Amino acid sequence: MNTYYATHYFNFKNIGVYLLASLLGLIIVITIVLCIAKLQMHKKLQDDSLTTRKIRRLNREHQAKELTIIESFFEMVFASTSILIFLSLYYILDERIPAVSVYWEKYQDLLLLLFLCFSVILNGWLDIVLVPLEELDSDQKASIRLVSTFYIILILLYIKFIYNDDNYDSLMMYFITLAVGRFIYFDFTMHDFLSTIHGFVQQLPLLILMGAYSGFICWFGFYSGFLLTSNGVIVSTLLAHLFMICSIYILDKTKVFRLLL
């Protein structure tokens, strides 16, 4: 079975087709973002009282805003993938490696904590080293990562109710607790609460785009036969997200999307 998976996933034709689909999907997402932003900018420029200096300033601000939105989407992909790696490790250890099941049951809480720490470190490597996201500050990244937590909860709910799989119930409650903990904690103030809510609401359109993009990539993967149901839904979803990261890396290094700004 391992040989079958290796032959299947390391087939360059399969990889090329799936990467192309992922690239096209990402380009469509970026195009949608830029079109909406440019329509908003066009509306602002209809003001006849604008001076040439103000127009130049608006254009600079608009370009920075476009880049910030695109980087925010990239950050959501990175954050979601980092968590999916953590979930996939959980699935593989719990379901696919019976030899370690005794240790897993005994040290499950500690391992979950270690996996979570690993996902945080990986997320930092992705958005600092692999594809530096220079337009986002720490607060913006925190808001995006909070939304990505809800994105993961939606995936787990999908698995539970569509596939009737209850194996992730404990993980679902774990992430729900993490998400709620971002809104309500021991020494929180109303200002902190409202600030978190504001940041979360601002990033909701990204959640919709992320759901549409990942939904298309997963659907195409299963439809084309590249993603295998025998892997488990979580592992297949992770593979789809890894191709999404590859697409982001390619577009970033080729500077293609920056030509459209």
Protein backbone atom coordinates (compact mmCIF):
# COMPACT_ATOMS: atom_id res chain seq x y z
CA MET A 1 0.00 0.00 0.00
CA ASN A 2 2.85 2.42 0.82
CA THR A 3 4.40 1.68 -2.59
CA TYR A 4 1.06 2.41 -4.23
CA TYR A 5 0.78 5.79 -2.51
CA ALA A 6 4.37 6.69 -3.43
CA THR A 7 3.83 5.77 -7.08
CA HIS A 8 0.55 7.64 -7.21
CA TYR A 9 1.58 10.87 -5.52
CA PHE A 10 5.03 11.13 -7.08
CA ASN A 11 3.73 10.77 -10.61
CA PHE A 12 4.88 14.00 -12.27
CA LYS A 13 1.90 14.12 -14.60
CA ASN A 14 -0.52 13.92 -11.66
CA ILE A 15 1.48 16.52 -9.74
CA GLY A 16 1.62 18.87 -12.73
CA VAL A 17 -2.11 18.75 -13.44
CA TYR A 18 -3.05 19.26 -9.80
CA LEU A 19 -0.54 22.08 -9.31
CA LEU A 20 -1.88 23.80 -12.43
CA ALA A 21 -5.43 23.59 -11.06
CA SER A 22 -4.23 25.01 -7.74
CA LEU A 23 -2.41 27.86 -9.50
CA LEU A 24 -5.46 28.71 -11.60
CA GLY A 25 -7.66 28.70 -8.51
CA LEU A 26 -5.28 31.02 -6.68
CA ILE A 27 -5.08 33.39 -9.64
CA ILE A 28 -8.89 33.55 -9.73
CA VAL A 29 -8.99 34.37 -6.00
CA ILE A 30 -6.39 37.14 -6.40
CA THR A 31 -8.25 38.48 -9.46
CA ILE A 32 -11.49 38.67 -7.47
CA VAL A 33 -9.73 40.51 -4.64
CA LEU A 34 -8.10 43.00 -7.02
CA CYS A 35 -11.29 43.62 -9.00
CA ILE A 36 -13.29 44.42 -5.86
CA ALA A 37 -10.50 46.68 -4.58
CA LYS A 38 -10.23 48.51 -7.91
CA LEU A 39 -14.01 49.04 -8.04
CA GLN A 40 -13.85 50.60 -4.58
CA MET A 41 -10.95 52.79 -5.68
CA HIS A 42 -12.79 53.85 -8.84
CA LYS A 43 -15.74 54.94 -6.68
CA LYS A 44 -13.46 57.07 -4.50
CA LEU A 45 -11.91 58.75 -7.54
CA GLN A 46 -15.31 59.98 -8.72
CA ASP A 47 -14.97 62.86 -6.26
CA ASP A 48 -14.31 65.96 -8.39
CA SER A 49 -12.79 67.81 -5.43
CA LEU A 50 -9.74 65.55 -5.35
CA THR A 51 -6.45 67.21 -6.16
CA THR A 52 -3.62 65.54 -8.05
CA ARG A 53 -1.69 65.18 -4.80
CA LYS A 54 -4.62 63.49 -3.06
CA ILE A 55 -5.11 61.15 -6.02
CA ARG A 56 -1.46 60.08 -5.84
CA ARG A 57 -1.83 59.48 -2.09
CA LEU A 58 -5.02 57.47 -2.62
CA ASN A 59 -3.28 55.37 -5.28
CA ARG A 60 -0.41 54.58 -2.89
CA GLU A 61 -2.83 53.69 -0.11
CA HIS A 62 -4.89 51.58 -2.50
CA GLN A 63 -1.86 49.60 -3.68
CA ALA A 64 -0.80 48.96 -0.08
CA LYS A 65 -4.35 47.84 0.79
CA GLU A 66 -4.44 45.42 -2.16
CA LEU A 67 -1.15 43.89 -1.11
CA THR A 68 -2.32 43.63 2.51
CA ILE A 69 -5.49 41.77 1.49
CA ILE A 70 -3.55 39.35 -0.70
CA GLU A 71 -1.00 38.70 2.05
CA SER A 72 -3.86 38.20 4.49
CA PHE A 73 -5.21 35.44 2.27
CA PHE A 74 -1.76 33.88 2.07
CA GLU A 75 -1.54 33.97 5.87
CA MET A 76 -4.88 32.19 6.18
CA VAL A 77 -3.62 29.40 3.91
CA PHE A 78 -0.42 29.12 5.96
CA ALA A 79 -2.24 29.10 9.30
CA SER A 80 -4.81 26.55 8.14
CA THR A 81 -2.17 24.26 6.67
CA SER A 82 -0.12 24.38 9.86
CA ILE A 83 -3.14 23.23 11.86
CA LEU A 84 -4.02 20.57 9.29
CA ILE A 85 -0.53 19.10 9.65
CA PHE A 86 -1.17 18.85 13.37
CA LEU A 87 -4.54 17.16 12.74
CA SER A 88 -3.03 14.77 10.20
CA LEU A 89 -0.34 13.70 12.68
CA TYR A 90 -3.11 13.05 15.19
CA TYR A 91 -5.02 10.95 12.63
CA ILE A 92 -1.98 8.96 11.47
CA LEU A 93 -0.81 8.14 14.99
CA ASP A 94 -4.27 7.28 16.24
CA GLU A 95 -5.58 5.34 13.23
CA ARG A 96 -2.68 4.13 11.10
CA ILE A 97 0.08 3.15 13.54
CA PRO A 98 -1.36 0.60 16.00
CA ALA A 99 2.09 -0.05 17.47
CA VAL A 100 2.11 3.34 19.17
CA SER A 101 -1.53 3.34 20.27
CA VAL A 102 -0.59 2.49 23.87
CA TYR A 103 1.78 5.46 24.10
CA TRP A 104 -0.71 7.65 22.28
CA GLU A 105 -3.47 6.95 24.79
CA LYS A 106 -1.08 7.54 27.69
CA TYR A 107 0.57 10.74 26.47
CA GLN A 108 -2.16 12.10 24.20
CA ASP A 109 -2.52 15.47 25.97
CA LEU A 110 1.23 16.08 25.93
CA LEU A 111 1.52 15.09 22.28
CA LEU A 112 -1.36 17.38 21.33
CA LEU A 113 0.42 20.26 23.06
CA LEU A 114 3.66 19.45 21.23
CA PHE A 115 1.84 19.22 17.90
CA LEU A 116 0.22 22.60 18.53
CA CYS A 117 3.60 24.18 19.34
CA PHE A 118 5.02 22.65 16.16
CA SER A 119 2.18 24.11 14.08
CA VAL A 120 2.81 27.59 15.54
CA ILE A 121 6.54 27.35 14.70
CA LEU A 122 5.74 26.08 11.21
CA ASN A 123 3.29 28.94 10.64
CA GLY A 124 6.00 31.43 11.58
CA TRP A 125 8.46 29.80 9.18
CA LEU A 126 5.95 29.90 6.32
CA ASP A 127 5.06 33.60 6.64
CA ILE A 128 8.53 34.85 7.55
CA VAL A 129 10.97 32.65 5.63
CA LEU A 130 9.16 30.84 2.80
CA VAL A 131 6.97 33.75 1.70
CA PRO A 132 7.70 36.88 3.79
CA LEU A 133 4.46 38.74 4.50
CA GLU A 134 5.81 42.22 5.10
CA GLU A 135 2.55 44.18 5.01
CA LEU A 136 0.92 42.41 7.97
CA ASP A 137 1.54 43.36 11.57
CA SER A 138 1.21 40.99 14.51
CA ASP A 139 -2.38 42.03 15.30
CA GLN A 140 -3.50 41.38 11.74
CA LYS A 141 -1.84 37.97 11.74
CA ALA A 142 -3.51 37.15 15.07
CA SER A 143 -6.95 38.02 13.65
CA ILE A 144 -6.34 35.91 10.55
CA ARG A 145 -5.17 32.94 12.61
CA LEU A 146 -8.31 33.21 14.72
CA VAL A 147 -10.45 33.03 11.58
CA SER A 148 -8.40 30.05 10.37
CA THR A 149 -9.32 28.29 13.62
CA PHE A 150 -13.00 28.67 12.70
CA TYR A 151 -12.14 27.41 9.21
CA ILE A 152 -10.70 24.25 10.75
CA ILE A 153 -13.80 23.86 12.93
CA LEU A 154 -15.93 24.02 9.77
CA ILE A 155 -13.82 21.24 8.22
CA LEU A 156 -14.26 19.08 11.32
CA LEU A 157 -18.01 19.75 11.30
CA TYR A 158 -18.11 18.75 7.64
CA ILE A 159 -16.34 15.48 8.43
CA LYS A 160 -18.63 14.79 11.38
CA PHE A 161 -21.98 15.41 9.68
CA ILE A 162 -21.23 14.54 6.04
CA TYR A 163 -18.99 11.53 6.63
CA ASN A 164 -20.63 10.62 9.97
CA ASP A 165 -17.19 10.41 11.54
CA ASP A 166 -17.09 11.09 15.30
CA ASN A 167 -13.33 10.51 15.70
CA TYR A 168 -12.58 14.25 15.75
CA ASP A 169 -15.17 15.33 18.34
CA SER A 170 -12.55 15.85 21.04
CA LEU A 171 -10.37 17.88 18.66
CA MET A 172 -13.36 19.94 17.62
CA MET A 173 -14.07 20.88 21.23
CA TYR A 174 -10.36 21.62 21.66
CA PHE A 175 -10.42 24.17 18.82
CA ILE A 176 -13.75 25.63 19.89
CA THR A 177 -12.25 26.18 23.33
CA LEU A 178 -9.20 27.86 21.77
CA ALA A 179 -11.42 30.10 19.66
CA VAL A 180 -13.69 31.10 22.54
CA GLY A 181 -10.61 31.68 24.69
CA ARG A 182 -9.49 34.37 22.24
CA PHE A 183 -12.69 36.31 22.94
CA ILE A 184 -13.14 35.64 26.67
CA TYR A 185 -10.20 35.12 29.01
CA PHE A 186 -9.37 35.74 32.65
CA ASP A 187 -8.36 39.41 32.54
CA PHE A 188 -10.11 40.53 29.35
CA THR A 189 -11.73 43.96 29.09
CA MET A 190 -14.63 45.12 26.95
CA HIS A 191 -12.16 47.01 24.75
CA ASP A 192 -10.14 43.81 24.19
CA PHE A 193 -13.32 41.88 23.41
CA LEU A 194 -14.62 44.46 20.92
CA SER A 195 -11.18 44.75 19.32
CA THR A 196 -11.03 40.98 18.80
CA ILE A 197 -14.57 40.98 17.37
CA HIS A 198 -13.68 43.84 15.01
CA GLY A 199 -10.56 42.05 13.75
CA PHE A 200 -12.49 38.81 13.32
CA VAL A 201 -15.32 40.46 11.32
CA GLN A 202 -12.82 42.23 9.07
CA GLN A 203 -11.32 38.89 8.05
CA LEU A 204 -14.63 37.07 7.41
CA PRO A 205 -14.55 37.72 3.61
CA LEU A 206 -11.23 35.86 3.58
CA LEU A 207 -12.95 32.90 5.23
CA ILE A 208 -15.46 32.79 2.36
CA LEU A 209 -12.69 32.99 -0.25
CA MET A 210 -10.68 30.36 1.60
CA GLY A 211 -13.67 28.01 1.75
CA ALA A 212 -14.36 28.45 -1.97
CA TYR A 213 -10.72 27.99 -2.99
CA SER A 214 -10.00 24.97 -0.82
CA GLY A 215 -13.39 23.47 -1.68
CA PHE A 216 -12.57 23.68 -5.38
CA ILE A 217 -9.06 22.25 -4.95
CA CYS A 218 -10.33 19.33 -2.83
CA TRP A 219 -13.21 18.66 -5.24
CA PHE A 220 -10.88 18.69 -8.25
CA GLY A 221 -8.45 16.41 -6.43
CA PHE A 222 -11.10 13.77 -5.73
CA TYR A 223 -12.73 14.24 -9.15
CA SER A 224 -9.44 13.79 -11.01
CA GLY A 225 -8.43 10.86 -8.80
CA PHE A 226 -5.32 12.57 -7.46
CA LEU A 227 -6.64 12.70 -3.90
CA LEU A 228 -7.52 9.29 -2.49
CA THR A 229 -10.36 8.68 -0.06
CA SER A 230 -8.34 5.83 1.45
CA ASN A 231 -6.00 8.45 2.94
CA GLY A 232 -8.70 9.85 5.15
CA VAL A 233 -10.38 13.21 4.63
CA ILE A 234 -7.97 15.12 6.86
CA VAL A 235 -4.83 13.86 5.09
CA SER A 236 -6.35 14.52 1.65
CA THR A 237 -7.35 18.03 2.73
CA LEU A 238 -3.79 18.60 3.95
CA LEU A 239 -2.38 17.50 0.59
CA ALA A 240 -4.66 19.99 -1.15
CA HIS A 241 -3.43 22.77 1.13
CA LEU A 242 0.21 21.86 0.52
CA PHE A 243 -0.39 22.39 -3.19
CA MET A 244 -2.04 25.71 -2.35
CA ILE A 245 1.16 26.73 -0.53
CA CYS A 246 3.24 25.65 -3.53
CA SER A 247 1.06 27.88 -5.73
CA ILE A 248 1.53 30.83 -3.38
CA TYR A 249 5.29 30.27 -3.41
CA ILE A 250 5.39 30.17 -7.22
CA LEU A 251 3.33 33.34 -7.61
CA ASP A 252 5.39 35.13 -4.96
CA LYS A 253 8.75 34.23 -6.49
CA THR A 254 7.63 35.03 -10.03
CA LYS A 255 6.06 38.33 -8.82
CA VAL A 256 3.10 37.67 -11.14
CA PHE A 257 0.38 39.06 -8.86
CA ARG A 258 2.42 42.21 -8.13
CA LEU A 259 2.25 43.12 -11.82
CA LEU A 260 -1.52 43.48 -11.42
CA LEU A 261 -1.36 45.87 -8.46
